Amino acid sequence: MAGTQATARPHNAARVCTILAFVFAVLAIFIVPPLFALVGLVLGIVGATRGDKPLGWYGAAAAVVGGIIGLVIAYAVHHS
């Protein structure tokens, strides 16, 4: 059947947003955690709402976790 797909694939823009969400999650661990975590969260949500459902939400969650880890590391370094 030409023109039909067996599985729904996310659009390229959604996948790019999801990938960037994971990149910003990792950056949030090392550089300005609140800023990069917020950007990663927004990109993950945008990726999920544009069609990259499971990975977009995982990217958003990873950004939040990365931001928290980054804040804990920054606190530990600052107070040691």
C-alpha atoms as a PDB file:
ATOM      1  CA  MET A   1       0.000   0.000   0.000  1.00  0.00           C
ATOM      2  CA  ALA A   2       1.775   3.049  -1.215  1.00  0.00           C
ATOM      3  CA  GLY A   3       1.451   6.133   0.943  1.00  0.00           C
ATOM      4  CA  THR A   4       0.528   4.417   4.213  1.00  0.00           C
ATOM      5  CA  GLN A   5       2.806   3.680   7.110  1.00  0.00           C
ATOM      6  CA  ALA A   6       2.499   0.763   9.507  1.00  0.00           C
ATOM      7  CA  THR A   7       3.735   2.806  12.474  1.00  0.00           C
ATOM      8  CA  ALA A   8       3.348   6.476  13.217  1.00  0.00           C
ATOM      9  CA  ARG A   9       6.703   8.207  12.914  1.00  0.00           C
ATOM     10  CA  PRO A  10       7.374  11.581  14.517  1.00  0.00           C
ATOM     11  CA  HIS A  11       8.005  14.560  12.310  1.00  0.00           C
ATOM     12  CA  ASN A  12      11.604  15.674  11.928  1.00  0.00           C
ATOM     13  CA  ALA A  13      11.011  18.870  13.914  1.00  0.00           C
ATOM     14  CA  ALA A  14       9.599  16.881  16.826  1.00  0.00           C
ATOM     15  CA  ARG A  15      12.568  14.510  16.818  1.00  0.00           C
ATOM     16  CA  VAL A  16      15.027  17.426  16.687  1.00  0.00           C
ATOM     17  CA  CYS A  17      13.337  19.030  19.698  1.00  0.00           C
ATOM     18  CA  THR A  18      13.506  15.734  21.584  1.00  0.00           C
ATOM     19  CA  ILE A  19      17.182  15.220  20.815  1.00  0.00           C
ATOM     20  CA  LEU A  20      17.947  18.785  21.879  1.00  0.00           C
ATOM     21  CA  ALA A  21      16.030  18.192  25.118  1.00  0.00           C
ATOM     22  CA  PHE A  22      18.403  15.330  25.952  1.00  0.00           C
ATOM     23  CA  VAL A  23      21.433  17.450  25.001  1.00  0.00           C
ATOM     24  CA  PHE A  24      20.261  20.272  27.258  1.00  0.00           C
ATOM     25  CA  ALA A  25      19.619  17.741  30.041  1.00  0.00           C
ATOM     26  CA  VAL A  26      23.279  16.752  29.937  1.00  0.00           C
ATOM     27  CA  LEU A  27      24.424  20.372  29.704  1.00  0.00           C
ATOM     28  CA  ALA A  28      22.265  21.230  32.731  1.00  0.00           C
ATOM     29  CA  ILE A  29      24.448  18.962  34.839  1.00  0.00           C
ATOM     30  CA  PHE A  30      27.548  21.019  34.121  1.00  0.00           C
ATOM     31  CA  ILE A  31      26.538  24.516  32.986  1.00  0.00           C
ATOM     32  CA  VAL A  32      23.890  26.867  34.484  1.00  0.00           C
ATOM     33  CA  PRO A  33      21.479  24.120  35.612  1.00  0.00           C
ATOM     34  CA  PRO A  34      18.280  26.203  35.940  1.00  0.00           C
ATOM     35  CA  LEU A  35      18.594  27.719  32.471  1.00  0.00           C
ATOM     36  CA  PHE A  36      19.522  24.588  30.552  1.00  0.00           C
ATOM     37  CA  ALA A  37      17.011  22.453  32.472  1.00  0.00           C
ATOM     38  CA  LEU A  38      14.216  24.876  31.624  1.00  0.00           C
ATOM     39  CA  VAL A  39      15.167  24.968  27.945  1.00  0.00           C
ATOM     40  CA  GLY A  40      15.393  21.160  27.873  1.00  0.00           C
ATOM     41  CA  LEU A  41      12.013  20.865  29.583  1.00  0.00           C
ATOM     42  CA  VAL A  42      10.359  23.142  27.039  1.00  0.00           C
ATOM     43  CA  LEU A  43      11.995  21.349  24.106  1.00  0.00           C
ATOM     44  CA  GLY A  44      10.926  17.965  25.463  1.00  0.00           C
ATOM     45  CA  ILE A  45       7.336  19.122  25.841  1.00  0.00           C
ATOM     46  CA  VAL A  46       7.355  20.612  22.342  1.00  0.00           C
ATOM     47  CA  GLY A  47       8.762  17.372  20.949  1.00  0.00           C
ATOM     48  CA  ALA A  48       6.103  15.322  22.716  1.00  0.00           C
ATOM     49  CA  THR A  49       3.223  17.521  21.621  1.00  0.00           C
ATOM     50  CA  ARG A  50       4.438  17.529  18.004  1.00  0.00           C
ATOM     51  CA  GLY A  51       4.313  13.762  17.771  1.00  0.00           C
ATOM     52  CA  ASP A  52       7.410  12.278  19.395  1.00  0.00           C
ATOM     53  CA  LYS A  53       5.318  11.055  22.322  1.00  0.00           C
ATOM     54  CA  PRO A  54       7.358   8.742  24.496  1.00  0.00           C
ATOM     55  CA  LEU A  55      10.807  10.186  23.861  1.00  0.00           C
ATOM     56  CA  GLY A  56       9.660  13.800  24.141  1.00  0.00           C
ATOM     57  CA  TRP A  57       8.321  13.209  27.638  1.00  0.00           C
ATOM     58  CA  TYR A  58      11.471  11.299  28.556  1.00  0.00           C
ATOM     59  CA  GLY A  59      13.554  14.220  27.325  1.00  0.00           C
ATOM     60  CA  ALA A  60      11.527  16.652  29.429  1.00  0.00           C
ATOM     61  CA  ALA A  61      11.936  14.448  32.502  1.00  0.00           C
ATOM     62  CA  ALA A  62      15.658  14.016  31.820  1.00  0.00           C
ATOM     63  CA  ALA A  63      16.051  17.805  31.648  1.00  0.00           C
ATOM     64  CA  VAL A  64      14.427  18.211  35.066  1.00  0.00           C
ATOM     65  CA  VAL A  65      16.583  15.457  36.560  1.00  0.00           C
ATOM     66  CA  GLY A  66      19.693  16.922  34.938  1.00  0.00           C
ATOM     67  CA  GLY A  67      18.864  20.315  36.388  1.00  0.00           C
ATOM     68  CA  ILE A  68      18.424  18.867  39.862  1.00  0.00           C
ATOM     69  CA  ILE A  69      21.682  16.928  39.629  1.00  0.00           C
ATOM     70  CA  GLY A  70      23.435  20.066  38.384  1.00  0.00           C
ATOM     71  CA  LEU A  71      22.106  22.100  41.297  1.00  0.00           C
ATOM     72  CA  VAL A  72      23.190  19.449  43.809  1.00  0.00           C
ATOM     73  CA  ILE A  73      26.675  19.321  42.299  1.00  0.00           C
ATOM     74  CA  ALA A  74      26.925  23.129  42.261  1.00  0.00           C
ATOM     75  CA  TYR A  75      25.839  23.257  45.908  1.00  0.00           C
ATOM     76  CA  ALA A  76      28.377  20.591  46.881  1.00  0.00           C
ATOM     77  CA  VAL A  77      31.209  22.330  45.040  1.00  0.00           C
ATOM     78  CA  HIS A  78      30.297  25.722  46.416  1.00  0.00           C
ATOM     79  CA  HIS A  79      30.069  24.548  50.033  1.00  0.00           C
ATOM     80  CA  SER A  80      33.125  22.332  50.142  1.00  0.00           C
END
